[in-house]
Amino acid sequence: MKIKFRFIYAAFLFVPVFFSCRPNGTVASIQENALFSLNYGNFEDEINLFNLSQSGSINTFMAMEEGFFYIANGESKKIMELNSYGDILTLYYNEDYSMPPSFARSSGVNSTKKAVAYPFNSLGPLAVDSNKCLYAVDTLPQERQEVDVENRLLLNHIVLRFDSNGTFIDYLGQQGPGGTPFPYIKNIYATSSNELVVVSESNSGPVVYWFNSKGFLLYKIPFTSSLVPKLKDSDENDSFVSIHSIIPDSINRRLFVQVDYFQNYLDPATKVLSGIEFEKTVLYPLDVDTGVYDAGLEIPCYEESISENLGKVIYRIPYDFLGVTDGGWLFFILPVEKGYLVQMVQPNGQKVLKRVLPVNHEDILYYSLCLSGKGIISGLFVKKEQAQVLWWRTDYLVGGLVN
């Protein structure tokens, strides 16, 4: 029997799960905990996603820190801080775009809710540190945007900083407070030392900016496919490298760089080059102080076997890197037919846990997932009638295992 290995790229690829983690050959599921729902509208406790019916990107993101949820709703130019019951605690809003919330008049020393006015333009990802300082990506108005002619980049993103009381501190640019705007920001992260890591994109590859707790730039690290480690014995003319994701360690000053390797695919029947095939995924820790990569950790990919023409085709698909916990566990995720397949890898690679997060994809119009430092996966799922916030307590799985 001939076995062929292929890699498939698809925007929405849902594949059945065949990992053998139980005697019956299926992967165990984790039941979600539904926390609260949000209605659609323009009131303070609602989110506005009406332009889901229109073309273009959706600018709504969620972060969770110590059981508190922060939702940046770019469509309504506001940020909501809520507890796990869905009670709104702080509302950051654009007063030129929406009315002040009903509790704004009672904001004071004894108030349990805060209203913070700020002229948001177009919100992006957000992060919260252990001091409950809020960081939010925003887009500058057109008249304040800059152009990097040499690198052909539009510089229009900044990171806003608010303290734990909701007071605006300043904004961060490439050099720190008030600096040059960033190019497109893919994501931001707050470490356990309350340092901020900004992952942006340039035409040549990702660029990471690492700031200390005061907002001053410590490191600027550009990445290109030619600078990441190469596989031994690989032919550079027949192999390709893709930097999939870059996520910081929350404890140490290092970055985890997910690199996917591909090679030319030669059709065995026609002997004609017919595309590229996925080879492997390797996660490299990069010490930002020294600029040296540690030994890479190969991350198991997803494989599905399908019968075809009296033979068998094995489709191999890399996971998306979701994040790393404070304990060093590496989380990877992939959409599958029954929801999301989560692969949790111990830092040394000795243990690999797989679980399915059951989700009905047909009900979901848009979603935002996040991983907490303790290992809890939270999700904001936009459905037809309302949006739902839930989480999966995957922290119980990795918390009881010794690294």
Protein backbone atom coordinates (compact mmCIF):
# COMPACT_ATOMS: atom_id res chain seq x y z
CA MET A 1 0.00 0.00 0.00
CA LYS A 2 1.40 3.35 -1.02
CA ILE A 3 1.27 6.17 1.52
CA LYS A 4 1.63 9.77 0.39
CA PHE A 5 2.16 12.75 2.66
CA ARG A 6 0.60 16.06 1.74
CA PHE A 7 -0.07 19.36 3.39
CA ILE A 8 -3.28 21.31 2.81
CA TYR A 9 -3.76 25.04 3.33
CA ALA A 10 -7.37 26.14 3.85
CA ALA A 11 -8.96 29.14 5.51
CA PHE A 12 -11.45 26.99 7.40
CA LEU A 13 -10.31 23.39 7.55
CA PHE A 14 -12.18 21.19 9.98
CA VAL A 15 -10.90 17.65 10.25
CA PRO A 16 -11.99 14.71 12.41
CA VAL A 17 -9.94 13.69 15.43
CA PHE A 18 -8.16 10.32 15.42
CA PHE A 19 -5.60 10.68 18.21
CA SER A 20 -5.49 7.67 20.46
CA CYS A 21 -5.76 9.04 23.98
CA ARG A 22 -8.46 6.69 25.23
CA PRO A 23 -8.96 2.96 24.79
CA ASN A 24 -11.61 3.61 22.13
CA GLY A 25 -9.15 5.68 20.07
CA THR A 26 -10.68 9.13 20.63
CA VAL A 27 -9.36 12.24 22.33
CA ALA A 28 -11.05 13.20 25.59
CA SER A 29 -13.15 16.35 25.62
CA ILE A 30 -13.20 19.15 28.17
CA GLN A 31 -16.59 20.56 29.05
CA GLU A 32 -16.77 24.32 28.80
CA ASN A 33 -18.03 26.60 31.56
CA ALA A 34 -20.47 29.11 30.09
CA LEU A 35 -19.94 32.33 32.06
CA PHE A 36 -22.13 35.08 30.61
CA SER A 37 -23.66 36.46 27.44
CA LEU A 38 -23.63 39.90 25.83
CA ASN A 39 -26.42 41.36 23.76
CA TYR A 40 -25.82 43.38 20.61
CA GLY A 41 -26.44 47.10 20.70
CA ASN A 42 -25.06 50.45 21.76
CA PHE A 43 -25.73 50.37 25.51
CA GLU A 44 -22.83 50.18 27.93
CA ASP A 45 -23.25 46.44 28.60
CA GLU A 46 -23.67 45.51 24.94
CA ILE A 47 -21.26 45.09 22.05
CA ASN A 48 -21.70 46.36 18.53
CA LEU A 49 -20.91 43.83 15.81
CA PHE A 50 -23.54 44.76 13.28
CA ASN A 51 -20.98 45.13 10.51
CA LEU A 52 -20.40 41.37 10.54
CA SER A 53 -22.63 41.43 7.47
CA GLN A 54 -20.16 43.74 5.71
CA SER A 55 -16.75 42.98 4.25
CA GLY A 56 -13.57 43.80 6.14
CA SER A 57 -11.88 42.76 9.35
CA ILE A 58 -13.53 42.56 12.77
CA ASN A 59 -11.84 44.59 15.50
CA THR A 60 -13.08 42.87 18.65
CA PHE A 61 -10.64 41.13 20.99
CA MET A 62 -10.65 39.65 24.48
CA ALA A 63 -8.13 39.12 27.28
CA MET A 64 -8.60 37.47 30.68
CA GLU A 65 -6.58 38.16 33.82
CA GLU A 66 -7.34 36.64 37.26
CA GLY A 67 -10.98 35.96 36.37
CA PHE A 68 -11.64 39.43 34.93
CA PHE A 69 -12.46 39.83 31.26
CA TYR A 70 -11.44 42.74 29.04
CA ILE A 71 -13.19 43.12 25.70
CA ALA A 72 -11.98 45.67 23.15
CA ASN A 73 -14.93 46.33 20.87
CA GLY A 74 -13.45 48.38 18.05
CA GLU A 75 -16.77 48.64 16.26
CA SER A 76 -18.19 50.70 19.15
CA LYS A 77 -14.84 52.26 20.11
CA LYS A 78 -14.93 51.04 23.69
CA ILE A 79 -13.28 48.62 26.12
CA MET A 80 -15.29 46.73 28.73
CA GLU A 81 -13.93 45.27 31.95
CA LEU A 82 -16.27 42.62 33.34
CA ASN A 83 -16.22 40.05 36.11
CA SER A 84 -16.93 36.37 35.53
CA TYR A 85 -20.69 37.01 36.00
CA GLY A 86 -20.73 39.54 33.17
CA ASP A 87 -21.13 42.57 35.47
CA ILE A 88 -19.43 45.59 33.96
CA LEU A 89 -16.79 47.13 36.24
CA THR A 90 -15.10 49.69 33.99
CA LEU A 91 -16.12 51.15 30.67
CA TYR A 92 -13.58 52.96 28.52
CA TYR A 93 -15.57 54.78 25.82
CA ASN A 94 -15.31 57.40 23.12
CA GLU A 95 -17.68 60.18 24.19
CA ASP A 96 -17.80 61.56 20.63
CA TYR A 97 -19.14 58.23 19.44
CA SER A 98 -21.48 57.09 22.20
CA MET A 99 -23.39 58.48 25.16
CA PRO A 100 -21.81 58.33 28.62
CA PRO A 101 -22.89 55.19 30.50
CA SER A 102 -25.73 55.41 33.00
CA PHE A 103 -23.34 55.02 35.94
CA ALA A 104 -20.97 57.80 34.80
CA ARG A 105 -22.69 60.38 37.00
CA SER A 106 -22.15 58.23 40.10
CA SER A 107 -18.48 57.51 39.43
CA GLY A 108 -16.58 58.40 42.55
CA VAL A 109 -14.80 57.06 45.61
CA ASN A 110 -17.63 54.76 46.65
CA SER A 111 -18.69 53.69 43.17
CA THR A 112 -18.24 50.05 42.12
CA LYS A 113 -18.16 51.04 38.46
CA LYS A 114 -15.91 53.41 36.57
CA ALA A 115 -16.46 55.31 33.34
CA VAL A 116 -13.37 56.47 31.46
CA ALA A 117 -13.67 58.71 28.41
CA TYR A 118 -10.95 58.41 25.74
CA PRO A 119 -11.06 59.23 22.00
CA PHE A 120 -10.43 55.71 20.66
CA ASN A 121 -10.10 55.45 16.92
CA SER A 122 -9.98 51.77 15.91
CA LEU A 123 -9.11 49.33 18.67
CA GLY A 124 -6.99 46.20 18.33
CA PRO A 125 -5.56 43.52 20.68
CA LEU A 126 -5.19 44.24 24.39
CA ALA A 127 -3.32 42.94 27.42
CA VAL A 128 -3.46 43.38 31.20
CA ASP A 129 -0.56 43.03 33.63
CA SER A 130 -0.52 41.86 37.24
CA ASN A 131 -1.06 45.45 38.47
CA LYS A 132 -4.25 45.59 36.39
CA CYS A 133 -2.74 48.16 34.06
CA LEU A 134 -4.46 48.00 30.69
CA TYR A 135 -2.64 48.08 27.35
CA ALA A 136 -4.67 48.49 24.15
CA VAL A 137 -3.66 48.77 20.52
CA ASP A 138 -5.24 51.69 18.69
CA THR A 139 -4.94 53.22 15.22
CA LEU A 140 -3.93 56.84 14.84
CA PRO A 141 -6.12 59.27 12.87
CA GLN A 142 -4.96 59.62 9.27
CA GLU A 143 -3.41 63.04 9.83
CA ARG A 144 -1.08 61.61 12.51
CA GLN A 145 0.01 58.52 10.60
CA GLU A 146 3.52 58.26 9.19
CA VAL A 147 5.10 56.42 6.27
CA ASP A 148 8.40 54.53 6.32
CA VAL A 149 9.37 55.11 2.70
CA GLU A 150 12.54 53.00 2.84
CA ASN A 151 10.75 49.90 4.10
CA ARG A 152 7.40 50.69 2.42
CA LEU A 153 5.45 50.59 5.67
CA LEU A 154 2.48 52.52 6.98
CA LEU A 155 3.15 53.45 10.62
CA ASN A 156 -0.25 53.94 12.22
CA HIS A 157 -0.49 51.77 15.36
CA ILE A 158 0.21 52.78 18.97
CA VAL A 159 -0.26 51.08 22.36
CA LEU A 160 -2.35 52.99 24.89
CA ARG A 161 -1.60 52.62 28.61
CA PHE A 162 -4.12 53.01 31.44
CA ASP A 163 -3.36 52.47 35.14
CA SER A 164 -5.46 50.29 37.45
CA ASN A 165 -7.77 53.24 38.22
CA GLY A 166 -8.51 53.77 34.54
CA THR A 167 -6.38 56.89 34.26
CA PHE A 168 -4.69 57.33 30.90
CA ILE A 169 -0.89 57.27 31.29
CA ASP A 170 0.48 57.71 27.76
CA TYR A 171 0.93 55.83 24.53
CA LEU A 172 3.89 53.76 23.43
CA GLY A 173 5.53 53.95 20.04
CA GLN A 174 8.56 52.15 18.69
CA GLN A 175 11.02 53.96 20.97
CA GLY A 176 8.75 54.09 24.03
CA PRO A 177 6.40 56.81 25.37
CA GLY A 178 5.33 59.11 22.54
CA GLY A 179 7.55 57.34 20.03
CA THR A 180 7.16 56.70 16.31
CA PRO A 181 4.01 54.68 15.54
CA PHE A 182 4.34 50.95 14.93
CA PRO A 183 3.59 49.16 11.69
CA TYR A 184 0.69 46.71 11.89
CA ILE A 185 0.57 45.11 15.36
CA LYS A 186 -0.34 41.43 15.37
CA ASN A 187 -0.56 41.07 19.16
CA ILE A 188 0.70 42.38 22.50
CA TYR A 189 1.63 40.54 25.71
CA ALA A 190 2.22 41.53 29.34
CA THR A 191 4.79 39.42 31.21
CA SER A 192 4.76 38.50 34.90
CA SER A 193 7.30 41.32 35.45
CA ASN A 194 4.79 43.77 33.95
CA GLU A 195 6.92 44.25 30.87
CA LEU A 196 5.18 44.71 27.53
CA VAL A 197 6.00 42.79 24.36
CA VAL A 198 4.69 44.07 21.02
CA VAL A 199 4.71 41.77 17.99
CA SER A 200 4.34 43.75 14.77
CA GLU A 201 4.66 42.88 11.10
CA SER A 202 6.93 44.31 8.42
CA ASN A 203 7.36 43.43 4.75
CA SER A 204 10.42 41.30 5.55
CA GLY A 205 9.04 39.54 8.62
CA PRO A 206 7.90 40.04 12.23
CA VAL A 207 9.47 42.69 14.46
CA VAL A 208 9.30 42.35 18.25
CA TYR A 209 9.59 45.32 20.64
CA TRP A 210 10.25 44.52 24.30
CA PHE A 211 9.58 47.32 26.83
CA ASN A 212 10.30 47.43 30.55
CA SER A 213 7.63 48.14 33.17
CA LYS A 214 8.19 51.91 32.75
CA GLY A 215 7.55 51.71 29.02
CA PHE A 216 11.12 52.19 27.86
CA LEU A 217 12.41 50.10 24.98
CA LEU A 218 14.79 47.31 25.94
CA TYR A 219 15.02 45.30 22.73
CA LYS A 220 13.98 45.57 19.12
CA ILE A 221 14.25 42.18 17.40
CA PRO A 222 13.58 41.81 13.66
CA PHE A 223 12.92 38.35 12.23
CA THR A 224 13.31 37.06 8.70
CA SER A 225 13.05 33.53 7.33
CA SER A 226 16.75 33.63 6.42
CA LEU A 227 17.80 34.25 10.03
CA VAL A 228 15.89 31.47 11.80
CA PRO A 229 17.63 28.09 12.31
CA LYS A 230 17.76 25.76 9.32
CA LEU A 231 17.17 22.04 9.45
CA LYS A 232 20.25 19.88 9.22
CA ASP A 233 20.85 18.19 5.86
CA SER A 234 18.13 20.26 4.21
CA ASP A 235 18.55 21.49 0.65
CA GLU A 236 18.00 25.26 0.65
CA ASN A 237 16.88 25.10 -2.98
CA ASP A 238 14.09 22.64 -2.17
CA SER A 239 13.07 23.77 1.33
CA PHE A 240 11.08 26.72 2.60
CA VAL A 241 10.72 28.34 6.01
CA SER A 242 7.69 30.12 7.50
CA ILE A 243 7.72 31.99 10.81
CA HIS A 244 4.28 30.99 12.07
CA SER A 245 4.09 32.76 15.44
CA ILE A 246 6.22 34.54 18.04
CA ILE A 247 5.06 34.58 21.68
CA PRO A 248 7.08 35.69 24.74
CA ASP A 249 7.78 33.65 27.84
CA SER A 250 5.84 35.20 30.71
CA ILE A 251 8.62 34.59 33.27
CA ASN A 252 11.96 34.88 31.46
CA ARG A 253 13.15 37.30 28.82
CA ARG A 254 12.90 34.96 25.91
CA LEU A 255 10.73 34.49 22.88
CA PHE A 256 9.25 31.27 21.54
CA VAL A 257 9.51 31.27 17.76
CA GLN A 258 7.32 28.77 15.90
CA VAL A 259 8.92 27.85 12.59
CA ASP A 260 7.18 25.68 9.99
CA TYR A 261 9.36 23.90 7.43
CA PHE A 262 8.22 22.91 3.95
CA GLN A 263 9.79 21.19 0.96
CA ASN A 264 9.01 20.85 -2.72
CA TYR A 265 6.52 18.11 -3.51
CA LEU A 266 7.33 15.92 -6.49
CA ASP A 267 4.38 13.93 -7.77
CA PRO A 268 5.56 10.28 -7.74
CA ALA A 269 3.43 9.35 -10.76
CA THR A 270 4.31 12.20 -13.13
CA LYS A 271 7.68 13.19 -11.62
CA VAL A 272 6.52 16.80 -11.90
CA LEU A 273 6.94 19.43 -9.19
CA SER A 274 3.35 20.04 -8.09
CA GLY A 275 3.60 22.22 -4.99
CA ILE A 276 5.07 22.14 -1.51
CA GLU A 277 4.45 19.80 1.41
CA PHE A 278 4.67 20.42 5.13
CA GLU A 279 7.71 18.82 6.75
CA LYS A 280 7.72 19.71 10.46
CA THR A 281 7.16 22.41 13.10
CA VAL A 282 9.96 23.36 15.48
CA LEU A 283 9.64 25.77 18.41
CA TYR A 284 12.84 27.68 19.16
CA PRO A 285 13.39 29.59 22.44
CA LEU A 286 15.33 32.79 21.76
CA ASP A 287 17.21 34.48 24.61
CA VAL A 288 16.59 38.17 23.96
CA ASP A 289 19.58 39.22 26.08
CA THR A 290 22.10 37.23 24.05
CA GLY A 291 20.23 36.82 20.77
CA VAL A 292 21.03 33.09 20.83
CA TYR A 293 18.53 30.33 19.99
CA ASP A 294 18.31 27.34 22.33
CA ALA A 295 17.80 23.86 20.95
CA GLY A 296 14.51 23.59 19.12
CA LEU A 297 11.60 21.45 20.25
CA GLU A 298 9.77 19.60 17.48
CA ILE A 299 6.01 20.00 17.90
CA PRO A 300 3.88 17.06 16.74
CA CYS A 301 1.61 18.04 13.87
CA TYR A 302 -1.93 16.88 13.24
CA GLU A 303 -2.28 13.91 10.93
CA GLU A 304 -5.35 12.50 9.26
CA SER A 305 -5.38 9.36 7.16
CA ILE A 306 -7.83 9.14 4.24
CA SER A 307 -8.27 6.27 1.78
CA GLU A 308 -7.78 7.33 -1.83
CA ASN A 309 -7.43 5.30 -5.06
CA LEU A 310 -6.72 1.99 -3.33
CA GLY A 311 -4.11 3.74 -1.25
CA LYS A 312 -3.90 6.02 1.69
CA VAL A 313 -3.19 9.74 1.89
CA ILE A 314 -1.94 11.24 5.13
CA TYR A 315 -2.67 14.95 5.52
CA ARG A 316 -0.27 16.72 7.89
CA ILE A 317 -1.25 20.09 9.36
CA PRO A 318 0.67 22.33 11.81
CA TYR A 319 -1.05 23.71 14.89
CA ASP A 320 -1.45 27.39 15.73
CA PHE A 321 0.63 28.48 18.74
CA LEU A 322 -1.82 29.76 21.36
CA GLY A 323 0.60 30.68 24.14
CA VAL A 324 2.73 29.59 27.07
CA THR A 325 1.73 29.32 30.73
CA ASP A 326 3.65 30.62 33.73
CA GLY A 327 4.68 27.00 34.35
CA GLY A 328 6.16 26.76 30.86
CA TRP A 329 3.52 24.55 29.23
CA LEU A 330 3.17 25.27 25.53
CA PHE A 331 -0.38 25.39 24.13
CA PHE A 332 -1.25 24.75 20.50
CA ILE A 333 -4.69 24.73 18.90
CA LEU A 334 -6.37 23.63 15.68
CA PRO A 335 -9.99 23.83 14.45
CA VAL A 336 -11.46 20.36 13.99
CA GLU A 337 -14.88 19.01 13.13
CA LYS A 338 -16.05 18.80 16.75
CA GLY A 339 -14.54 22.07 17.95
CA TYR A 340 -10.90 22.85 18.72
CA LEU A 341 -8.14 20.35 19.29
CA VAL A 342 -5.73 21.59 21.96
CA GLN A 343 -2.24 20.15 22.24
CA MET A 344 -0.39 20.92 25.48
CA VAL A 345 3.35 20.26 25.37
CA GLN A 346 5.60 20.11 28.42
CA PRO A 347 8.64 22.45 28.17
CA ASN A 348 11.04 19.52 27.71
CA GLY A 349 8.66 17.78 25.32
CA GLN A 350 8.36 14.66 27.47
CA LYS A 351 4.60 14.94 27.96
CA VAL A 352 2.05 15.86 25.31
CA LEU A 353 -1.62 16.15 26.27
CA LYS A 354 -4.45 16.46 23.75
CA ARG A 355 -8.02 17.48 24.46
CA VAL A 356 -10.99 18.58 22.37
CA LEU A 357 -12.89 21.75 23.24
CA PRO A 358 -16.40 20.99 21.91
CA VAL A 359 -17.74 23.83 19.76
CA ASN A 360 -20.36 23.90 17.04
CA HIS A 361 -18.66 25.91 14.29
CA GLU A 362 -21.90 26.38 12.38
CA ASP A 363 -23.24 28.61 15.17
CA ILE A 364 -20.18 30.87 15.32
CA LEU A 365 -19.79 34.00 13.22
CA TYR A 366 -16.61 35.27 14.87
CA TYR A 367 -14.48 34.33 17.87
CA SER A 368 -11.53 35.47 19.99
CA LEU A 369 -9.52 33.01 22.10
CA CYS A 370 -6.94 33.71 24.79
CA LEU A 371 -4.76 31.74 27.20
CA SER A 372 -4.09 32.92 30.77
CA GLY A 373 -0.77 32.49 32.55
CA LYS A 374 -2.34 29.80 34.74
CA GLY A 375 -3.44 27.80 31.72
CA ILE A 376 -7.12 28.68 31.32
CA ILE A 377 -8.44 28.99 27.77
CA SER A 378 -11.17 31.62 27.41
CA GLY A 379 -13.27 32.40 24.39
CA LEU A 380 -15.59 35.12 23.11
CA PHE A 381 -17.96 33.56 20.59
CA VAL A 382 -20.14 35.75 18.44
CA LYS A 383 -23.35 34.02 17.43
CA LYS A 384 -26.46 35.14 15.59
CA GLU A 385 -28.52 36.17 18.62
CA GLN A 386 -25.85 37.20 21.11
CA ALA A 387 -22.19 36.82 22.08
CA GLN A 388 -21.12 34.30 24.69
CA VAL A 389 -18.07 34.21 26.97
CA LEU A 390 -16.90 30.88 28.31
CA TRP A 391 -13.76 29.13 29.44
CA TRP A 392 -12.19 25.70 29.69
CA ARG A 393 -10.28 24.83 32.87
CA THR A 394 -7.28 23.30 31.16
CA ASP A 395 -5.23 24.60 34.09
CA TYR A 396 -6.32 21.51 36.04
CA LEU A 397 -4.59 19.30 33.50
CA VAL A 398 -1.17 20.98 33.47
CA GLY A 399 -1.17 22.32 37.03
CA GLY A 400 -1.00 18.87 38.61
CA LEU A 401 1.93 17.68 36.52
CA VAL A 402 5.52 18.36 37.52
CA ASN A 403 7.63 19.97 34.79
